[in-house]
Amino acid sequence: MEADEIHPQARAMLDRRERLGLAPIREVGLGRLRLLMRLTNWVQNRNPPSVGRTVDRTIPGPDGDLPVRLYRPTGEGPFPTVVYFHGGGYVIGDLASHDLLCRHLTRESDCVVMAVDYRLAPEHPFPAAVEDAYAATKWAADNTDALAGDGRLAVAGDSAGGALAAVASLMAAEKAGPDIDYQALLYPGVGVEDGQESVEKHGGRVLERGDLEWFRECYFESDVHERNPYADPSNACDLSGVPPATVLTAGFDPLRDGGANYADQLAADGVDVRHVNYDDMIHGFATMTEEIDRAREAIAEIADHLRAAFDESESTR
């Protein structure tokens, strides 16, 4: 599932990290890590691609107001809606860290993208992020006018955000709503286990094996929670009610095998799933839209899948 070599542009990103002497995530410290991310976001977002309109607002959340950013395409609408959850191990990441990805997704898909700034651990451990993700998805379904939406709805996310999109889909299926037409999971943090080939071979490329453990320690107050299907949907006994999915993995990503196994699990339960593996890519590459050409290629492919799903949904109404 991996190419003979990492793509040159992805290799250049890894070499740059090595030259900077960046320590493993868990050794940096949470405060410094979040500060570094804010500085990085400020640099990378100085000249963002345009969309029709962006709106920062709040929506009601389980524990107060929940910040979101709306990206609207050019045109009058109404448009399908994609609720997007950022990655970052449930510990880092925000609206700024995934601004470029969401802008490209809006432009490629002609959908309203609603990015969700869910609560982060360790200040807000599991299930806070899950509660926010489901609440945001339900709000999007119930407030189409506020979104210039047409009623068609998908969820998407990368890494930890991919897991949240999968969990929101599972919760919607088990709670009889809202109706979700599609889920797009970019290298989702699901089903990741020590001993998997991808963890053993590629821990240390972007994510150290110790980083994976640190994220788990921050997110879960008890080991008991790790087997909860709403923490990791690969623990679910039956996924047959969830919407069709794209699962995107990266060949040199320690999370690769967990995502691939989840795609197989969806298919085994009768869910229409497309597993797309970018065999020469690294974890997190879809956010590197200015450095790695295949990032924009992957976003365009996800957008194609979303459009096809929304077209099919419209034809069956």
C-alpha atoms as a PDB file:
ATOM      1  CA  MET A   1       0.000   0.000   0.000  1.00  0.00           C
ATOM      2  CA  GLU A   2       3.008   2.270  -0.152  1.00  0.00           C
ATOM      3  CA  ALA A   3       5.105   3.376  -3.108  1.00  0.00           C
ATOM      4  CA  ASP A   4       8.775   2.561  -3.432  1.00  0.00           C
ATOM      5  CA  GLU A   5       9.602   6.136  -2.413  1.00  0.00           C
ATOM      6  CA  ILE A   6       7.881   9.106  -0.810  1.00  0.00           C
ATOM      7  CA  HIS A   7       6.802  11.749  -3.295  1.00  0.00           C
ATOM      8  CA  PRO A   8       9.600  14.356  -3.718  1.00  0.00           C
ATOM      9  CA  GLN A   9       7.415  17.212  -2.480  1.00  0.00           C
ATOM     10  CA  ALA A  10       6.405  15.243   0.615  1.00  0.00           C
ATOM     11  CA  ARG A  11      10.033  14.272   1.161  1.00  0.00           C
ATOM     12  CA  ALA A  12      10.975  17.960   0.981  1.00  0.00           C
ATOM     13  CA  MET A  13       8.450  18.680   3.756  1.00  0.00           C
ATOM     14  CA  LEU A  14       9.968  15.956   5.951  1.00  0.00           C
ATOM     15  CA  ASP A  15      13.489  17.197   5.227  1.00  0.00           C
ATOM     16  CA  ARG A  16      12.444  20.729   6.191  1.00  0.00           C
ATOM     17  CA  ARG A  17      11.120  19.468   9.529  1.00  0.00           C
ATOM     18  CA  GLU A  18      14.382  17.630  10.122  1.00  0.00           C
ATOM     19  CA  ARG A  19      16.480  20.721   9.335  1.00  0.00           C
ATOM     20  CA  LEU A  20      14.403  22.762  11.774  1.00  0.00           C
ATOM     21  CA  GLY A  21      15.159  20.175  14.440  1.00  0.00           C
ATOM     22  CA  LEU A  22      11.520  19.880  15.486  1.00  0.00           C
ATOM     23  CA  ALA A  23      11.091  17.615  18.491  1.00  0.00           C
ATOM     24  CA  PRO A  24       8.403  14.932  18.658  1.00  0.00           C
ATOM     25  CA  ILE A  25       5.030  16.486  19.398  1.00  0.00           C
ATOM     26  CA  ARG A  26       4.773  15.152  22.935  1.00  0.00           C
ATOM     27  CA  GLU A  27       8.166  16.670  23.823  1.00  0.00           C
ATOM     28  CA  VAL A  28       7.304  20.183  22.616  1.00  0.00           C
ATOM     29  CA  GLY A  29       4.707  20.836  25.301  1.00  0.00           C
ATOM     30  CA  LEU A  30       1.078  21.731  24.725  1.00  0.00           C
ATOM     31  CA  GLY A  31       1.378  25.504  25.149  1.00  0.00           C
ATOM     32  CA  ARG A  32       4.376  25.801  22.841  1.00  0.00           C
ATOM     33  CA  LEU A  33       2.819  23.436  20.320  1.00  0.00           C
ATOM     34  CA  ARG A  34      -0.329  25.533  20.034  1.00  0.00           C
ATOM     35  CA  LEU A  35       1.751  28.722  19.760  1.00  0.00           C
ATOM     36  CA  LEU A  36       3.822  27.197  16.931  1.00  0.00           C
ATOM     37  CA  MET A  37       0.622  26.227  15.151  1.00  0.00           C
ATOM     38  CA  ARG A  38      -0.765  29.763  15.401  1.00  0.00           C
ATOM     39  CA  LEU A  39       2.455  31.173  13.936  1.00  0.00           C
ATOM     40  CA  THR A  40       2.398  28.592  11.147  1.00  0.00           C
ATOM     41  CA  ASN A  41      -1.243  29.388  10.385  1.00  0.00           C
ATOM     42  CA  TRP A  42      -0.481  33.105  10.200  1.00  0.00           C
ATOM     43  CA  VAL A  43       2.253  32.485   7.635  1.00  0.00           C
ATOM     44  CA  GLN A  44       0.416  29.996   5.443  1.00  0.00           C
ATOM     45  CA  ASN A  45      -2.910  31.860   5.374  1.00  0.00           C
ATOM     46  CA  ARG A  46      -1.606  35.239   4.205  1.00  0.00           C
ATOM     47  CA  ASN A  47      -2.815  34.816   0.611  1.00  0.00           C
ATOM     48  CA  PRO A  48      -5.701  32.331   0.687  1.00  0.00           C
ATOM     49  CA  PRO A  49      -7.678  31.271  -2.399  1.00  0.00           C
ATOM     50  CA  SER A  50     -10.918  33.184  -2.711  1.00  0.00           C
ATOM     51  CA  VAL A  51     -14.396  31.782  -2.212  1.00  0.00           C
ATOM     52  CA  GLY A  52     -17.742  33.482  -2.594  1.00  0.00           C
ATOM     53  CA  ARG A  53     -17.972  34.453   1.065  1.00  0.00           C
ATOM     54  CA  THR A  54     -16.735  33.459   4.516  1.00  0.00           C
ATOM     55  CA  VAL A  55     -18.660  34.032   7.737  1.00  0.00           C
ATOM     56  CA  ASP A  56     -17.423  33.420  11.271  1.00  0.00           C
ATOM     57  CA  ARG A  57     -20.243  32.830  13.698  1.00  0.00           C
ATOM     58  CA  THR A  58     -21.339  30.621  16.576  1.00  0.00           C
ATOM     59  CA  ILE A  59     -24.016  27.976  16.795  1.00  0.00           C
ATOM     60  CA  PRO A  60     -25.548  26.415  19.916  1.00  0.00           C
ATOM     61  CA  GLY A  61     -23.352  23.658  21.309  1.00  0.00           C
ATOM     62  CA  PRO A  62     -23.705  21.179  24.174  1.00  0.00           C
ATOM     63  CA  ASP A  63     -21.587  23.407  26.444  1.00  0.00           C
ATOM     64  CA  GLY A  64     -22.264  26.905  25.153  1.00  0.00           C
ATOM     65  CA  ASP A  65     -21.602  28.616  21.862  1.00  0.00           C
ATOM     66  CA  LEU A  66     -19.659  26.605  19.300  1.00  0.00           C
ATOM     67  CA  PRO A  67     -17.534  28.616  16.809  1.00  0.00           C
ATOM     68  CA  VAL A  68     -17.853  27.707  13.136  1.00  0.00           C
ATOM     69  CA  ARG A  69     -16.666  29.210   9.870  1.00  0.00           C
ATOM     70  CA  LEU A  70     -18.901  29.111   6.805  1.00  0.00           C
ATOM     71  CA  TYR A  71     -17.371  28.999   3.335  1.00  0.00           C
ATOM     72  CA  ARG A  72     -19.851  29.716   0.579  1.00  0.00           C
ATOM     73  CA  PRO A  73     -19.212  29.195  -3.133  1.00  0.00           C
ATOM     74  CA  THR A  74     -19.667  31.899  -5.709  1.00  0.00           C
ATOM     75  CA  GLY A  75     -23.271  32.073  -6.899  1.00  0.00           C
ATOM     76  CA  GLU A  76     -26.752  32.375  -5.501  1.00  0.00           C
ATOM     77  CA  GLY A  77     -27.303  28.852  -4.266  1.00  0.00           C
ATOM     78  CA  PRO A  78     -28.797  27.013  -2.547  1.00  0.00           C
ATOM     79  CA  PHE A  79     -25.895  24.587  -2.192  1.00  0.00           C
ATOM     80  CA  PRO A  80     -25.247  21.206  -0.585  1.00  0.00           C
ATOM     81  CA  THR A  81     -23.552  21.439   2.817  1.00  0.00           C
ATOM     82  CA  VAL A  82     -20.377  19.738   4.057  1.00  0.00           C
ATOM     83  CA  VAL A  83     -19.701  19.855   7.801  1.00  0.00           C
ATOM     84  CA  TYR A  84     -15.918  19.693   8.235  1.00  0.00           C
ATOM     85  CA  PHE A  85     -13.944  18.598  11.319  1.00  0.00           C
ATOM     86  CA  HIS A  86     -10.243  19.462  11.494  1.00  0.00           C
ATOM     87  CA  GLY A  87      -7.468  17.103  12.501  1.00  0.00           C
ATOM     88  CA  GLY A  88      -4.959  17.505  15.314  1.00  0.00           C
ATOM     89  CA  GLY A  89      -5.336  14.505  17.598  1.00  0.00           C
ATOM     90  CA  TYR A  90      -8.266  16.179  19.404  1.00  0.00           C
ATOM     91  CA  VAL A  91      -5.629  18.390  21.051  1.00  0.00           C
ATOM     92  CA  ILE A  92      -4.517  20.958  18.460  1.00  0.00           C
ATOM     93  CA  GLY A  93      -5.974  22.496  15.320  1.00  0.00           C
ATOM     94  CA  ASP A  94      -8.650  25.122  14.808  1.00  0.00           C
ATOM     95  CA  LEU A  95     -10.430  27.072  12.083  1.00  0.00           C
ATOM     96  CA  ALA A  96      -7.178  28.671  10.934  1.00  0.00           C
ATOM     97  CA  SER A  97      -5.200  25.431  10.659  1.00  0.00           C
ATOM     98  CA  HIS A  98      -7.566  24.059   8.007  1.00  0.00           C
ATOM     99  CA  ASP A  99      -8.609  27.291   6.324  1.00  0.00           C
ATOM    100  CA  LEU A 100      -6.791  26.539   3.061  1.00  0.00           C
ATOM    101  CA  LEU A 101      -8.143  22.995   2.845  1.00  0.00           C
ATOM    102  CA  CYS A 102     -11.708  24.196   3.424  1.00  0.00           C
ATOM    103  CA  ARG A 103     -11.343  26.945   0.830  1.00  0.00           C
ATOM    104  CA  HIS A 104     -10.085  24.499  -1.785  1.00  0.00           C
ATOM    105  CA  LEU A 105     -12.871  22.059  -0.909  1.00  0.00           C
ATOM    106  CA  THR A 106     -15.479  24.799  -1.297  1.00  0.00           C
ATOM    107  CA  ARG A 107     -14.097  25.844  -4.682  1.00  0.00           C
ATOM    108  CA  GLU A 108     -13.826  22.279  -5.998  1.00  0.00           C
ATOM    109  CA  SER A 109     -17.154  20.966  -4.718  1.00  0.00           C
ATOM    110  CA  ASP A 110     -19.442  24.020  -5.043  1.00  0.00           C
ATOM    111  CA  CYS A 111     -20.694  23.216  -1.568  1.00  0.00           C
ATOM    112  CA  VAL A 112     -21.092  25.297   1.537  1.00  0.00           C
ATOM    113  CA  VAL A 113     -18.410  24.052   3.924  1.00  0.00           C
ATOM    114  CA  MET A 114     -19.048  24.583   7.636  1.00  0.00           C
ATOM    115  CA  ALA A 115     -15.800  24.130   9.587  1.00  0.00           C
ATOM    116  CA  VAL A 116     -16.335  23.347  13.272  1.00  0.00           C
ATOM    117  CA  ASP A 117     -14.060  24.578  16.063  1.00  0.00           C
ATOM    118  CA  TYR A 118     -14.911  21.766  18.479  1.00  0.00           C
ATOM    119  CA  ARG A 119     -13.632  21.612  22.054  1.00  0.00           C
ATOM    120  CA  LEU A 120     -10.113  20.259  22.495  1.00  0.00           C
ATOM    121  CA  ALA A 121      -8.467  17.947  24.996  1.00  0.00           C
ATOM    122  CA  PRO A 122      -6.974  17.766  27.538  1.00  0.00           C
ATOM    123  CA  GLU A 123      -9.107  20.660  28.782  1.00  0.00           C
ATOM    124  CA  HIS A 124     -12.169  18.935  27.315  1.00  0.00           C
ATOM    125  CA  PRO A 125     -11.571  15.174  27.089  1.00  0.00           C
ATOM    126  CA  PHE A 126     -13.800  12.600  25.401  1.00  0.00           C
ATOM    127  CA  PRO A 127     -16.714  12.833  24.721  1.00  0.00           C
ATOM    128  CA  ALA A 128     -16.680  16.645  24.350  1.00  0.00           C
ATOM    129  CA  ALA A 129     -15.442  16.683  20.734  1.00  0.00           C
ATOM    130  CA  VAL A 130     -17.932  13.968  19.784  1.00  0.00           C
ATOM    131  CA  GLU A 131     -20.827  15.848  21.373  1.00  0.00           C
ATOM    132  CA  ASP A 132     -19.818  19.014  19.489  1.00  0.00           C
ATOM    133  CA  ALA A 133     -19.467  17.152  16.194  1.00  0.00           C
ATOM    134  CA  TYR A 134     -22.912  15.600  16.408  1.00  0.00           C
ATOM    135  CA  ALA A 135     -24.509  18.855  17.587  1.00  0.00           C
ATOM    136  CA  ALA A 136     -22.937  20.758  14.675  1.00  0.00           C
ATOM    137  CA  THR A 137     -24.099  18.155  12.170  1.00  0.00           C
ATOM    138  CA  LYS A 138     -27.630  18.267  13.534  1.00  0.00           C
ATOM    139  CA  TRP A 139     -27.636  22.074  13.522  1.00  0.00           C
ATOM    140  CA  ALA A 140     -26.539  22.128   9.867  1.00  0.00           C
ATOM    141  CA  ALA A 141     -29.381  19.774   8.966  1.00  0.00           C
ATOM    142  CA  ASP A 142     -31.918  21.886  10.859  1.00  0.00           C
ATOM    143  CA  ASN A 143     -30.767  25.307   9.631  1.00  0.00           C
ATOM    144  CA  THR A 144     -30.411  25.068   5.877  1.00  0.00           C
ATOM    145  CA  ASP A 145     -31.597  28.664   5.367  1.00  0.00           C
ATOM    146  CA  ALA A 146     -28.771  30.024   7.518  1.00  0.00           C
ATOM    147  CA  LEU A 147     -26.294  28.110   5.363  1.00  0.00           C
ATOM    148  CA  ALA A 148     -27.822  28.813   1.954  1.00  0.00           C
ATOM    149  CA  GLY A 149     -28.230  25.056   1.946  1.00  0.00           C
ATOM    150  CA  ASP A 150     -30.503  22.874  -0.152  1.00  0.00           C
ATOM    151  CA  GLY A 151     -30.964  20.066   2.377  1.00  0.00           C
ATOM    152  CA  ARG A 152     -28.253  17.751   1.066  1.00  0.00           C
ATOM    153  CA  LEU A 153     -25.656  17.077   3.757  1.00  0.00           C
ATOM    154  CA  ALA A 154     -22.261  15.417   4.108  1.00  0.00           C
ATOM    155  CA  VAL A 155     -19.670  15.230   6.854  1.00  0.00           C
ATOM    156  CA  ALA A 156     -15.916  15.240   6.306  1.00  0.00           C
ATOM    157  CA  GLY A 157     -12.697  15.500   8.260  1.00  0.00           C
ATOM    158  CA  ASP A 158      -9.053  14.554   8.389  1.00  0.00           C
ATOM    159  CA  SER A 159      -7.152  12.496  10.982  1.00  0.00           C
ATOM    160  CA  ALA A 160      -8.965  13.015  14.318  1.00  0.00           C
ATOM    161  CA  GLY A 161     -11.537  15.019  12.376  1.00  0.00           C
ATOM    162  CA  GLY A 162     -12.033  12.049  10.070  1.00  0.00           C
ATOM    163  CA  ALA A 163     -12.836   9.955  13.115  1.00  0.00           C
ATOM    164  CA  LEU A 164     -15.329  12.604  14.265  1.00  0.00           C
ATOM    165  CA  ALA A 165     -17.015  12.588  10.852  1.00  0.00           C
ATOM    166  CA  ALA A 166     -17.292   8.799  11.045  1.00  0.00           C
ATOM    167  CA  VAL A 167     -18.660   8.968  14.596  1.00  0.00           C
ATOM    168  CA  ALA A 168     -21.197  11.657  13.653  1.00  0.00           C
ATOM    169  CA  SER A 169     -22.344   9.376  10.833  1.00  0.00           C
ATOM    170  CA  LEU A 170     -22.703   6.450  13.226  1.00  0.00           C
ATOM    171  CA  MET A 171     -24.579   8.522  15.803  1.00  0.00           C
ATOM    172  CA  ALA A 172     -26.936   9.860  13.139  1.00  0.00           C
ATOM    173  CA  ALA A 173     -27.680   6.307  12.015  1.00  0.00           C
ATOM    174  CA  GLU A 174     -28.334   5.092  15.544  1.00  0.00           C
ATOM    175  CA  LYS A 175     -30.288   8.153  16.678  1.00  0.00           C
ATOM    176  CA  ALA A 176     -32.508   8.246  13.568  1.00  0.00           C
ATOM    177  CA  GLY A 177     -31.055  11.445  12.227  1.00  0.00           C
ATOM    178  CA  PRO A 178     -30.082  13.712  10.807  1.00  0.00           C
ATOM    179  CA  ASP A 179     -29.963  12.249   7.305  1.00  0.00           C
ATOM    180  CA  ILE A 180     -26.404  12.349   5.974  1.00  0.00           C
ATOM    181  CA  ASP A 181     -25.793  11.710   2.287  1.00  0.00           C
ATOM    182  CA  TYR A 182     -22.045  11.048   2.432  1.00  0.00           C
ATOM    183  CA  GLN A 183     -18.995  10.879   4.674  1.00  0.00           C
ATOM    184  CA  ALA A 184     -15.487  11.736   3.473  1.00  0.00           C
ATOM    185  CA  LEU A 185     -12.776  10.473   5.821  1.00  0.00           C
ATOM    186  CA  LEU A 186      -9.242  11.666   5.104  1.00  0.00           C
ATOM    187  CA  TYR A 187      -6.626   9.438   6.755  1.00  0.00           C
ATOM    188  CA  PRO A 188      -8.990   9.006   9.707  1.00  0.00           C
ATOM    189  CA  GLY A 189      -7.729   8.162  13.178  1.00  0.00           C
ATOM    190  CA  VAL A 190      -9.802   4.988  13.496  1.00  0.00           C
ATOM    191  CA  GLY A 191      -8.808   1.426  14.276  1.00  0.00           C
ATOM    192  CA  VAL A 192      -5.170   2.309  14.911  1.00  0.00           C
ATOM    193  CA  GLU A 193      -3.397  -0.384  16.912  1.00  0.00           C
ATOM    194  CA  ASP A 194       0.165  -1.059  18.012  1.00  0.00           C
ATOM    195  CA  GLY A 195       1.661  -3.784  15.887  1.00  0.00           C
ATOM    196  CA  GLN A 196       0.029  -2.696  12.632  1.00  0.00           C
ATOM    197  CA  GLU A 197       2.534  -2.627   9.796  1.00  0.00           C
ATOM    198  CA  SER A 198       1.891   1.058   9.079  1.00  0.00           C
ATOM    199  CA  VAL A 199       2.462   2.002  12.731  1.00  0.00           C
ATOM    200  CA  GLU A 200       5.611  -0.075  12.963  1.00  0.00           C
ATOM    201  CA  LYS A 201       7.113   1.134   9.669  1.00  0.00           C
ATOM    202  CA  HIS A 202       5.964   4.739   9.496  1.00  0.00           C
ATOM    203  CA  GLY A 203       5.697   5.926  13.081  1.00  0.00           C
ATOM    204  CA  GLY A 204       8.205   8.765  13.004  1.00  0.00           C
ATOM    205  CA  ARG A 205       7.091  10.230   9.677  1.00  0.00           C
ATOM    206  CA  VAL A 206       5.149  13.326  10.838  1.00  0.00           C
ATOM    207  CA  LEU A 207       3.748  11.319  13.773  1.00  0.00           C
ATOM    208  CA  GLU A 208       5.975   9.461  16.216  1.00  0.00           C
ATOM    209  CA  ARG A 209       4.563   6.367  17.901  1.00  0.00           C
ATOM    210  CA  GLY A 210       4.960   8.269  21.175  1.00  0.00           C
ATOM    211  CA  ASP A 211       2.878  11.118  19.715  1.00  0.00           C
ATOM    212  CA  LEU A 212       0.005   8.720  19.051  1.00  0.00           C
ATOM    213  CA  GLU A 213       0.098   7.598  22.667  1.00  0.00           C
ATOM    214  CA  TRP A 214       0.295  11.194  23.921  1.00  0.00           C
ATOM    215  CA  PHE A 215      -2.787  12.180  21.931  1.00  0.00           C
ATOM    216  CA  ARG A 216      -4.655   9.206  23.422  1.00  0.00           C
ATOM    217  CA  GLU A 217      -3.550  10.172  26.923  1.00  0.00           C
ATOM    218  CA  CYS A 218      -4.816  13.723  26.400  1.00  0.00           C
ATOM    219  CA  TYR A 219      -8.143  12.659  24.898  1.00  0.00           C
ATOM    220  CA  PHE A 220      -9.161   9.804  27.166  1.00  0.00           C
ATOM    221  CA  GLU A 221      -9.487  10.093  30.928  1.00  0.00           C
ATOM    222  CA  SER A 222      -9.858   6.322  31.175  1.00  0.00           C
ATOM    223  CA  ASP A 223      -8.742   3.389  29.029  1.00  0.00           C
ATOM    224  CA  VAL A 224     -12.331   2.149  29.214  1.00  0.00           C
ATOM    225  CA  HIS A 225     -13.420   4.902  26.817  1.00  0.00           C
ATOM    226  CA  GLU A 226     -11.092   3.729  24.058  1.00  0.00           C
ATOM    227  CA  ARG A 227     -13.402   0.815  23.197  1.00  0.00           C
ATOM    228  CA  ASN A 228     -16.489   3.015  22.949  1.00  0.00           C
ATOM    229  CA  PRO A 229     -17.816   3.028  19.344  1.00  0.00           C
ATOM    230  CA  TYR A 230     -18.397   6.769  19.698  1.00  0.00           C
ATOM    231  CA  ALA A 231     -14.692   7.156  20.449  1.00  0.00           C
ATOM    232  CA  ASP A 232     -13.617   4.876  17.613  1.00  0.00           C
ATOM    233  CA  PRO A 233     -16.329   3.654  15.238  1.00  0.00           C
ATOM    234  CA  SER A 234     -14.256   0.599  14.274  1.00  0.00           C
ATOM    235  CA  ASN A 235     -15.503  -0.771  17.614  1.00  0.00           C
ATOM    236  CA  ALA A 236     -19.099  -0.735  16.386  1.00  0.00           C
ATOM    237  CA  CYS A 237     -20.773  -4.111  15.948  1.00  0.00           C
ATOM    238  CA  ASP A 238     -22.825  -2.961  12.952  1.00  0.00           C
ATOM    239  CA  LEU A 239     -22.108  -0.112  10.547  1.00  0.00           C
ATOM    240  CA  SER A 240     -24.757  -1.001   7.990  1.00  0.00           C
ATOM    241  CA  GLY A 241     -26.846   2.118   8.620  1.00  0.00           C
ATOM    242  CA  VAL A 242     -24.140   4.724   8.025  1.00  0.00           C
ATOM    243  CA  PRO A 243     -23.979   6.740   4.785  1.00  0.00           C
ATOM    244  CA  PRO A 244     -21.760   5.890   1.808  1.00  0.00           C
ATOM    245  CA  ALA A 245     -18.141   6.837   2.346  1.00  0.00           C
ATOM    246  CA  THR A 246     -14.803   7.703   0.881  1.00  0.00           C
ATOM    247  CA  VAL A 247     -11.863   6.618   3.013  1.00  0.00           C
ATOM    248  CA  LEU A 248      -8.621   8.240   1.897  1.00  0.00           C
ATOM    249  CA  THR A 249      -5.324   6.895   3.210  1.00  0.00           C
ATOM    250  CA  ALA A 250      -1.658   7.739   2.683  1.00  0.00           C
ATOM    251  CA  GLY A 251       0.975   5.088   2.018  1.00  0.00           C
ATOM    252  CA  PHE A 252       3.612   6.410   4.445  1.00  0.00           C
ATOM    253  CA  ASP A 253       1.163   7.245   7.236  1.00  0.00           C
ATOM    254  CA  PRO A 254       1.114   5.295  10.527  1.00  0.00           C
ATOM    255  CA  LEU A 255      -2.708   5.616  10.459  1.00  0.00           C
ATOM    256  CA  ARG A 256      -2.928   3.941   7.040  1.00  0.00           C
ATOM    257  CA  ASP A 257      -3.820   0.409   8.130  1.00  0.00           C
ATOM    258  CA  GLY A 258      -6.469   1.566  10.577  1.00  0.00           C
ATOM    259  CA  GLY A 259      -8.196   3.538   7.824  1.00  0.00           C
ATOM    260  CA  ALA A 260      -7.892   0.710   5.310  1.00  0.00           C
ATOM    261  CA  ASN A 261      -9.326  -1.770   7.807  1.00  0.00           C
ATOM    262  CA  TYR A 262     -12.234   0.580   8.498  1.00  0.00           C
ATOM    263  CA  ALA A 263     -12.994   0.800   4.770  1.00  0.00           C
ATOM    264  CA  ASP A 264     -13.070  -3.010   4.689  1.00  0.00           C
ATOM    265  CA  GLN A 265     -15.331  -3.048   7.749  1.00  0.00           C
ATOM    266  CA  LEU A 266     -17.759  -0.638   6.087  1.00  0.00           C
ATOM    267  CA  ALA A 267     -17.822  -2.750   2.936  1.00  0.00           C
ATOM    268  CA  ALA A 268     -18.371  -5.947   4.932  1.00  0.00           C
ATOM    269  CA  ASP A 269     -21.425  -4.325   6.553  1.00  0.00           C
ATOM    270  CA  GLY A 270     -22.859  -3.439   3.163  1.00  0.00           C
ATOM    271  CA  VAL A 271     -21.899   0.238   3.046  1.00  0.00           C
ATOM    272  CA  ASP A 272     -20.956   1.651  -0.363  1.00  0.00           C
ATOM    273  CA  VAL A 273     -17.341   2.721   0.218  1.00  0.00           C
ATOM    274  CA  ARG A 274     -14.463   3.926  -1.899  1.00  0.00           C
ATOM    275  CA  HIS A 275     -10.995   3.396  -0.475  1.00  0.00           C
ATOM    276  CA  VAL A 276      -8.483   5.711  -2.129  1.00  0.00           C
ATOM    277  CA  ASN A 277      -4.831   5.238  -1.161  1.00  0.00           C
ATOM    278  CA  TYR A 278      -2.256   7.900  -2.066  1.00  0.00           C
ATOM    279  CA  ASP A 279       0.637   5.505  -1.865  1.00  0.00           C
ATOM    280  CA  ASP A 280       3.460   8.088  -1.977  1.00  0.00           C
ATOM    281  CA  MET A 281       2.001  10.491   0.587  1.00  0.00           C
ATOM    282  CA  ILE A 282       2.479  11.190   4.294  1.00  0.00           C
ATOM    283  CA  HIS A 283       0.088  11.902   7.141  1.00  0.00           C
ATOM    284  CA  GLY A 284      -1.545  15.321   6.952  1.00  0.00           C
ATOM    285  CA  PHE A 285      -0.682  15.951   3.318  1.00  0.00           C
ATOM    286  CA  ALA A 286      -4.139  17.280   2.364  1.00  0.00           C
ATOM    287  CA  THR A 287      -3.539  20.416   4.437  1.00  0.00           C
ATOM    288  CA  MET A 288      -0.257  21.109   2.597  1.00  0.00           C
ATOM    289  CA  THR A 289      -1.980  22.657  -0.406  1.00  0.00           C
ATOM    290  CA  GLU A 290       0.777  25.182  -1.115  1.00  0.00           C
ATOM    291  CA  GLU A 291       3.657  22.702  -0.856  1.00  0.00           C
ATOM    292  CA  ILE A 292       2.335  19.415  -2.245  1.00  0.00           C
ATOM    293  CA  ASP A 293       0.466  19.273  -5.540  1.00  0.00           C
ATOM    294  CA  ARG A 294      -1.193  15.994  -4.618  1.00  0.00           C
ATOM    295  CA  ALA A 295      -2.952  17.763  -1.741  1.00  0.00           C
ATOM    296  CA  ARG A 296      -5.074  19.709  -4.191  1.00  0.00           C
ATOM    297  CA  GLU A 297      -5.490  16.547  -6.279  1.00  0.00           C
ATOM    298  CA  ALA A 298      -6.858  14.707  -3.248  1.00  0.00           C
ATOM    299  CA  ILE A 299      -9.251  17.534  -2.375  1.00  0.00           C
ATOM    300  CA  ALA A 300     -10.488  17.591  -5.972  1.00  0.00           C
ATOM    301  CA  GLU A 301     -11.080  13.825  -5.837  1.00  0.00           C
ATOM    302  CA  ILE A 302     -13.031  14.130  -2.585  1.00  0.00           C
ATOM    303  CA  ALA A 303     -15.059  16.939  -4.188  1.00  0.00           C
ATOM    304  CA  ASP A 304     -15.861  14.691  -7.166  1.00  0.00           C
ATOM    305  CA  HIS A 305     -17.127  11.985  -4.811  1.00  0.00           C
ATOM    306  CA  LEU A 306     -19.245  14.508  -2.926  1.00  0.00           C
ATOM    307  CA  ARG A 307     -20.802  15.843  -6.113  1.00  0.00           C
ATOM    308  CA  ALA A 308     -21.619  12.332  -7.303  1.00  0.00           C
ATOM    309  CA  ALA A 309     -23.206  11.476  -3.959  1.00  0.00           C
ATOM    310  CA  PHE A 310     -25.250  14.668  -3.904  1.00  0.00           C
ATOM    311  CA  ASP A 311     -26.393  14.123  -7.499  1.00  0.00           C
ATOM    312  CA  GLU A 312     -27.551  10.623  -6.588  1.00  0.00           C
ATOM    313  CA  SER A 313     -29.318  11.941  -3.494  1.00  0.00           C
ATOM    314  CA  GLU A 314     -31.143  14.546  -5.550  1.00  0.00           C
ATOM    315  CA  SER A 315     -32.213  11.979  -8.146  1.00  0.00           C
ATOM    316  CA  THR A 316     -33.788   9.740  -5.487  1.00  0.00           C
ATOM    317  CA  ARG A 317     -35.803  12.461  -3.767  1.00  0.00           C
END
